[in-house]
């Protein structure tokens, strides 16, 4: 019975450490990939310039893209 009493606090400590490490990893991942929102200064002309100025457009003169 004494062995079980010594084992429970160790299990609790191991679980707590594992959860803290996981939450820290999730916080780092969130800050690296998801915390910075995309640019809100996107308009139709900027999107059109990005789509129609690609290398494929330059190579074939713009014939591969759909026209509005």
PDB file of N, CA and C in Angstrom:
ATOM      1  N   UNK A   1       0.815  -1.190   0.000  1.00  0.00           N
ATOM      2  CA  UNK A   1       0.000   0.000   0.000  1.00  0.00           C
ATOM      3  C   UNK A   1       0.862   1.259   0.000  1.00  0.00           C
ATOM      4  N   UNK A   2       2.001   1.182   0.654  1.00  0.00           N
ATOM      5  CA  UNK A   2       2.885   2.342   0.721  1.00  0.00           C
ATOM      6  C   UNK A   2       3.454   2.677  -0.662  1.00  0.00           C
ATOM      7  N   UNK A   3       3.652   1.660  -1.497  1.00  0.00           N
ATOM      8  CA  UNK A   3       4.181   1.899  -2.847  1.00  0.00           C
ATOM      9  C   UNK A   3       3.175   2.675  -3.693  1.00  0.00           C
ATOM     10  N   UNK A   4       1.886   2.399  -3.513  1.00  0.00           N
ATOM     11  CA  UNK A   4       0.870   3.128  -4.276  1.00  0.00           C
ATOM     12  C   UNK A   4       0.805   4.583  -3.855  1.00  0.00           C
ATOM     13  N   UNK A   5       0.988   4.865  -2.581  1.00  0.00           N
ATOM     14  CA  UNK A   5       0.952   6.246  -2.117  1.00  0.00           C
ATOM     15  C   UNK A   5       2.120   7.051  -2.689  1.00  0.00           C
ATOM     16  N   UNK A   6       3.268   6.445  -2.795  1.00  0.00           N
ATOM     17  CA  UNK A   6       4.421   7.149  -3.364  1.00  0.00           C
ATOM     18  C   UNK A   6       4.280   7.321  -4.869  1.00  0.00           C
ATOM     19  N   UNK A   7       3.557   6.443  -5.506  1.00  0.00           N
ATOM     20  CA  UNK A   7       3.459   6.459  -6.958  1.00  0.00           C
ATOM     21  C   UNK A   7       2.469   7.520  -7.453  1.00  0.00           C
ATOM     22  N   UNK A   8       1.397   7.769  -6.744  1.00  0.00           N
ATOM     23  CA  UNK A   8       0.381   8.711  -7.204  1.00  0.00           C
ATOM     24  C   UNK A   8       0.913  10.130  -7.374  1.00  0.00           C
ATOM     25  N   UNK A   9       1.636  10.680  -6.430  1.00  0.00           N
ATOM     26  CA  UNK A   9       2.158  12.038  -6.659  1.00  0.00           C
ATOM     27  C   UNK A   9       3.118  12.099  -7.846  1.00  0.00           C
ATOM     28  N   UNK A  10       3.884  11.055  -8.059  1.00  0.00           N
ATOM     29  CA  UNK A  10       4.805  11.041  -9.192  1.00  0.00           C
ATOM     30  C   UNK A  10       4.023  11.050 -10.503  1.00  0.00           C
ATOM     31  N   UNK A  11       2.944  10.287 -10.558  1.00  0.00           N
ATOM     32  CA  UNK A  11       2.108  10.271 -11.760  1.00  0.00           C
ATOM     33  C   UNK A  11       1.491  11.644 -11.996  1.00  0.00           C
ATOM     34  N   UNK A  12       1.023  12.269 -10.951  1.00  0.00           N
ATOM     35  CA  UNK A  12       0.440  13.604 -11.084  1.00  0.00           C
ATOM     36  C   UNK A  12       1.480  14.606 -11.580  1.00  0.00           C
ATOM     37  N   UNK A  13       2.682  14.520 -11.086  1.00  0.00           N
ATOM     38  CA  UNK A  13       3.748  15.425 -11.526  1.00  0.00           C
ATOM     39  C   UNK A  13       4.082  15.174 -12.989  1.00  0.00           C
ATOM     40  N   UNK A  14       4.179  13.925 -13.384  1.00  0.00           N
ATOM     41  CA  UNK A  14       4.493  13.598 -14.782  1.00  0.00           C
ATOM     42  C   UNK A  14       3.392  14.082 -15.723  1.00  0.00           C
ATOM     43  N   UNK A  15       2.141  13.902 -15.325  1.00  0.00           N
ATOM     44  CA  UNK A  15       1.036  14.378 -16.160  1.00  0.00           C
ATOM     45  C   UNK A  15       1.036  15.905 -16.251  1.00  0.00           C
ATOM     46  N   UNK A  16       1.300  16.555 -15.146  1.00  0.00           N
ATOM     47  CA  UNK A  16       1.342  18.015 -15.149  1.00  0.00           C
ATOM     48  C   UNK A  16       2.465  18.528 -16.041  1.00  0.00           C
ATOM     49  N   UNK A  17       3.623  17.929 -15.956  1.00  0.00           N
ATOM     50  CA  UNK A  17       4.754  18.345 -16.796  1.00  0.00           C
ATOM     51  C   UNK A  17       4.433  18.102 -18.268  1.00  0.00           C
ATOM     52  N   UNK A  18       3.837  16.973 -18.577  1.00  0.00           N
ATOM     53  CA  UNK A  18       3.483  16.675 -19.966  1.00  0.00           C
ATOM     54  C   UNK A  18       2.481  17.698 -20.506  1.00  0.00           C
ATOM     55  N   UNK A  19       1.472  18.048 -19.710  1.00  0.00           N
ATOM     56  CA  UNK A  19       0.483  19.032 -20.155  1.00  0.00           C
ATOM     57  C   UNK A  19       1.100  20.422 -20.319  1.00  0.00           C
ATOM     58  N   UNK A  20       1.979  20.803 -19.431  1.00  0.00           N
ATOM     59  CA  UNK A  20       2.638  22.107 -19.542  1.00  0.00           C
ATOM     60  C   UNK A  20       3.486  22.161 -20.809  1.00  0.00           C
ATOM     61  N   UNK A  21       4.206  21.102 -21.095  1.00  0.00           N
ATOM     62  CA  UNK A  21       5.030  21.064 -22.305  1.00  0.00           C
ATOM     63  C   UNK A  21       4.157  21.134 -23.555  1.00  0.00           C
ATOM     64  N   UNK A  22       3.038  20.420 -23.551  1.00  0.00           N
ATOM     65  CA  UNK A  22       2.139  20.454 -24.714  1.00  0.00           C
ATOM     66  C   UNK A  22       1.535  21.832 -24.917  1.00  0.00           C
ATOM     67  N   UNK A  23       1.097  22.470 -23.836  1.00  0.00           N
ATOM     68  CA  UNK A  23       0.535  23.808 -23.968  1.00  0.00           C
ATOM     69  C   UNK A  23       1.590  24.815 -24.423  1.00  0.00           C
ATOM     70  N   UNK A  24       2.810  24.657 -23.962  1.00  0.00           N
ATOM     71  CA  UNK A  24       3.886  25.536 -24.418  1.00  0.00           C
ATOM     72  C   UNK A  24       4.152  25.331 -25.912  1.00  0.00           C
ATOM     73  N   UNK A  25       4.146  24.090 -26.360  1.00  0.00           N
ATOM     74  CA  UNK A  25       4.353  23.812 -27.785  1.00  0.00           C
ATOM     75  C   UNK A  25       3.210  24.386 -28.620  1.00  0.00           C
ATOM     76  N   UNK A  26       1.982  24.248 -28.140  1.00  0.00           N
ATOM     77  CA  UNK A  26       0.850  24.825 -28.868  1.00  0.00           C
ATOM     78  C   UNK A  26       0.932  26.344 -28.923  1.00  0.00           C
ATOM     79  N   UNK A  27       1.381  26.975 -27.849  1.00  0.00           N
ATOM     80  CA  UNK A  27       1.525  28.428 -27.839  1.00  0.00           C
ATOM     81  C   UNK A  27       2.584  28.872 -28.850  1.00  0.00           C
ATOM     82  N   UNK A  28       3.683  28.147 -28.927  1.00  0.00           N
ATOM     83  CA  UNK A  28       4.731  28.489 -29.896  1.00  0.00           C
ATOM     84  C   UNK A  28       4.216  28.311 -31.318  1.00  0.00           C
ATOM     85  N   UNK A  29       3.546  27.207 -31.571  1.00  0.00           N
ATOM     86  CA  UNK A  29       2.999  26.958 -32.912  1.00  0.00           C
ATOM     87  C   UNK A  29       1.991  28.044 -33.278  1.00  0.00           C
ATOM     88  N   UNK A  30       1.120  28.412 -32.348  1.00  0.00           N
ATOM     89  CA  UNK A  30       0.122  29.450 -32.605  1.00  0.00           C
ATOM     90  C   UNK A  30       0.802  30.778 -32.949  1.00  0.00           C
ATOM     91  N   UNK A  31       1.814  31.135 -32.181  1.00  0.00           N
ATOM     92  CA  UNK A  31       2.493  32.414 -32.427  1.00  0.00           C
ATOM     93  C   UNK A  31       3.251  32.425 -33.744  1.00  0.00           C
ATOM     94  N   UNK A  32       3.764  31.297 -34.157  1.00  0.00           N
ATOM     95  CA  UNK A  32       4.536  31.261 -35.398  1.00  0.00           C
ATOM     96  C   UNK A  32       3.624  31.298 -36.623  1.00  0.00           C
ATOM     97  N   UNK A  33       2.572  30.452 -36.624  1.00  0.00           N
ATOM     98  CA  UNK A  33       1.781  30.302 -37.848  1.00  0.00           C
ATOM     99  C   UNK A  33       0.435  31.008 -37.866  1.00  0.00           C
ATOM    100  N   UNK A  34      -0.188  31.235 -36.740  1.00  0.00           N
ATOM    101  CA  UNK A  34      -1.569  31.701 -36.766  1.00  0.00           C
ATOM    102  C   UNK A  34      -1.801  33.064 -36.133  1.00  0.00           C
ATOM    103  N   UNK A  35      -0.901  33.598 -35.369  1.00  0.00           N
ATOM    104  CA  UNK A  35      -1.156  34.820 -34.621  1.00  0.00           C
ATOM    105  C   UNK A  35      -1.176  36.066 -35.503  1.00  0.00           C
ATOM    106  N   UNK A  36      -0.470  36.057 -36.604  1.00  0.00           N
ATOM    107  CA  UNK A  36      -0.386  37.244 -37.445  1.00  0.00           C
ATOM    108  C   UNK A  36      -1.450  37.168 -38.533  1.00  0.00           C
ATOM    109  N   UNK A  37      -2.430  38.059 -38.492  1.00  0.00           N
ATOM    110  CA  UNK A  37      -3.495  38.000 -39.504  1.00  0.00           C
ATOM    111  C   UNK A  37      -2.970  38.401 -40.874  1.00  0.00           C
ATOM    112  N   UNK A  38      -3.669  37.961 -41.878  1.00  0.00           N
ATOM    113  CA  UNK A  38      -3.309  38.314 -43.247  1.00  0.00           C
ATOM    114  C   UNK A  38      -3.535  39.810 -43.449  1.00  0.00           C
ATOM    115  N   UNK A  39      -2.902  40.333 -44.444  1.00  0.00           N
ATOM    116  CA  UNK A  39      -3.030  41.753 -44.733  1.00  0.00           C
ATOM    117  C   UNK A  39      -4.474  42.102 -45.055  1.00  0.00           C
ATOM    118  N   UNK A  40      -4.962  43.157 -44.454  1.00  0.00           N
ATOM    119  CA  UNK A  40      -6.340  43.581 -44.707  1.00  0.00           C
ATOM    120  C   UNK A  40      -6.399  44.590 -45.854  1.00  0.00           C
ATOM    121  N   UNK A  41      -5.260  44.956 -46.390  1.00  0.00           N
ATOM    122  CA  UNK A  41      -5.219  45.941 -47.477  1.00  0.00           C
ATOM    123  C   UNK A  41      -5.170  45.232 -48.820  1.00  0.00           C
ATOM    124  N   UNK A  42      -6.091  44.331 -49.043  1.00  0.00           N
ATOM    125  CA  UNK A  42      -6.153  43.589 -50.291  1.00  0.00           C
ATOM    126  C   UNK A  42      -7.393  44.053 -51.042  1.00  0.00           C
ATOM    127  N   UNK A  43      -7.176  44.509 -52.254  1.00  0.00           N
ATOM    128  CA  UNK A  43      -8.303  44.924 -53.072  1.00  0.00           C
ATOM    129  C   UNK A  43      -8.247  44.189 -54.411  1.00  0.00           C
ATOM    130  N   UNK A  44      -9.222  44.426 -55.238  1.00  0.00           N
ATOM    131  CA  UNK A  44      -9.331  43.695 -56.493  1.00  0.00           C
ATOM    132  C   UNK A  44      -8.125  43.943 -57.398  1.00  0.00           C
ATOM    133  N   UNK A  45      -7.624  45.149 -57.423  1.00  0.00           N
ATOM    134  CA  UNK A  45      -6.482  45.427 -58.311  1.00  0.00           C
ATOM    135  C   UNK A  45      -5.217  44.727 -57.823  1.00  0.00           C
ATOM    136  N   UNK A  46      -5.044  44.623 -56.503  1.00  0.00           N
ATOM    137  CA  UNK A  46      -3.876  43.921 -55.972  1.00  0.00           C
ATOM    138  C   UNK A  46      -3.955  42.430 -56.270  1.00  0.00           C
ATOM    139  N   UNK A  47      -5.146  41.857 -56.139  1.00  0.00           N
ATOM    140  CA  UNK A  47      -5.326  40.434 -56.450  1.00  0.00           C
ATOM    141  C   UNK A  47      -5.094  40.197 -57.936  1.00  0.00           C
ATOM    142  N   UNK A  48      -5.644  41.041 -58.776  1.00  0.00           N
ATOM    143  CA  UNK A  48      -5.446  40.899 -60.214  1.00  0.00           C
ATOM    144  C   UNK A  48      -3.986  41.022 -60.600  1.00  0.00           C
ATOM    145  N   UNK A  49      -3.289  41.942 -59.977  1.00  0.00           N
ATOM    146  CA  UNK A  49      -1.862  42.100 -60.279  1.00  0.00           C
ATOM    147  C   UNK A  49      -1.088  40.859 -59.865  1.00  0.00           C
ATOM    148  N   UNK A  50      -1.449  40.267 -58.732  1.00  0.00           N
ATOM    149  CA  UNK A  50      -0.743  39.064 -58.281  1.00  0.00           C
ATOM    150  C   UNK A  50      -1.035  37.882 -59.197  1.00  0.00           C
ATOM    151  N   UNK A  51      -2.274  37.746 -59.646  1.00  0.00           N
ATOM    152  CA  UNK A  51      -2.640  36.609 -60.496  1.00  0.00           C
ATOM    153  C   UNK A  51      -2.081  36.769 -61.901  1.00  0.00           C
ATOM    154  N   UNK A  52      -2.247  37.943 -62.472  1.00  0.00           N
ATOM    155  CA  UNK A  52      -1.853  38.135 -63.864  1.00  0.00           C
ATOM    156  C   UNK A  52      -0.379  38.441 -64.045  1.00  0.00           C
ATOM    157  N   UNK A  53       0.374  38.583 -62.965  1.00  0.00           N
ATOM    158  CA  UNK A  53       1.804  38.838 -63.113  1.00  0.00           C
ATOM    159  C   UNK A  53       2.635  37.604 -62.784  1.00  0.00           C
ATOM    160  N   UNK A  54       2.002  36.431 -62.780  1.00  0.00           N
ATOM    161  CA  UNK A  54       2.738  35.209 -62.478  1.00  0.00           C
ATOM    162  C   UNK A  54       3.637  34.819 -63.648  1.00  0.00           C
ATOM    163  N   UNK A  55       4.554  33.905 -63.392  1.00  0.00           N
ATOM    164  CA  UNK A  55       5.491  33.463 -64.432  1.00  0.00           C
ATOM    165  C   UNK A  55       4.767  32.789 -65.595  1.00  0.00           C
ATOM    166  N   UNK A  56       3.698  32.052 -65.308  1.00  0.00           N
ATOM    167  CA  UNK A  56       2.959  31.386 -66.385  1.00  0.00           C
ATOM    168  C   UNK A  56       2.340  32.413 -67.316  1.00  0.00           C
ATOM    169  N   UNK A  57       1.872  33.497 -66.769  1.00  0.00           N
ATOM    170  CA  UNK A  57       1.271  34.543 -67.597  1.00  0.00           C
ATOM    171  C   UNK A  57       2.323  35.201 -68.474  1.00  0.00           C
ATOM    172  N   UNK A  58       3.488  35.432 -67.902  1.00  0.00           N
ATOM    173  CA  UNK A  58       4.560  36.051 -68.683  1.00  0.00           C
ATOM    174  C   UNK A  58       5.023  35.137 -69.806  1.00  0.00           C
ATOM    175  N   UNK A  59       5.022  33.838 -69.554  1.00  0.00           N
ATOM    176  CA  UNK A  59       5.535  32.887 -70.552  1.00  0.00           C
ATOM    177  C   UNK A  59       4.617  32.756 -71.758  1.00  0.00           C
ATOM    178  N   UNK A  60       3.294  32.762 -71.545  1.00  0.00           N
ATOM    179  CA  UNK A  60       2.376  32.542 -72.661  1.00  0.00           C
ATOM    180  C   UNK A  60       1.590  33.799 -73.030  1.00  0.00           C
ATOM    181  N   UNK A  61       1.976  34.931 -72.498  1.00  0.00           N
ATOM    182  CA  UNK A  61       1.325  36.176 -72.865  1.00  0.00           C
ATOM    183  C   UNK A  61      -0.043  36.360 -72.237  1.00  0.00           C
ATOM    184  N   UNK A  62      -0.382  35.629 -71.221  1.00  0.00           N
ATOM    185  CA  UNK A  62      -1.661  35.806 -70.525  1.00  0.00           C
ATOM    186  C   UNK A  62      -2.787  34.965 -71.075  1.00  0.00           C
ATOM    187  N   UNK A  63      -2.517  34.047 -71.991  1.00  0.00           N
ATOM    188  CA  UNK A  63      -3.600  33.273 -72.594  1.00  0.00           C
ATOM    189  C   UNK A  63      -4.106  32.162 -71.683  1.00  0.00           C
ATOM    190  N   UNK A  64      -3.334  31.769 -70.638  1.00  0.00           N
ATOM    191  CA  UNK A  64      -3.759  30.654 -69.795  1.00  0.00           C
ATOM    192  C   UNK A  64      -4.737  31.088 -68.697  1.00  0.00           C
ATOM    193  N   UNK A  65      -4.909  32.374 -68.470  1.00  0.00           N
ATOM    194  CA  UNK A  65      -5.810  32.844 -67.427  1.00  0.00           C
ATOM    195  C   UNK A  65      -7.161  33.215 -68.005  1.00  0.00           C
ATOM    196  N   UNK A  66      -8.177  33.006 -67.208  1.00  0.00           N
ATOM    197  CA  UNK A  66      -9.523  33.387 -67.626  1.00  0.00           C
ATOM    198  C   UNK A  66      -9.639  34.900 -67.601  1.00  0.00           C
ATOM    199  N   UNK A  67     -10.366  35.414 -68.531  1.00  0.00           N
ATOM    200  CA  UNK A  67     -10.580  36.853 -68.599  1.00  0.00           C
ATOM    201  C   UNK A  67     -11.972  37.169 -68.059  1.00  0.00           C
ATOM    202  N   UNK A  68     -12.102  38.300 -67.368  1.00  0.00           N
ATOM    203  CA  UNK A  68     -13.434  38.670 -66.854  1.00  0.00           C
ATOM    204  C   UNK A  68     -14.376  39.099 -67.953  1.00  0.00           C
TER     205      UNK A  68
END
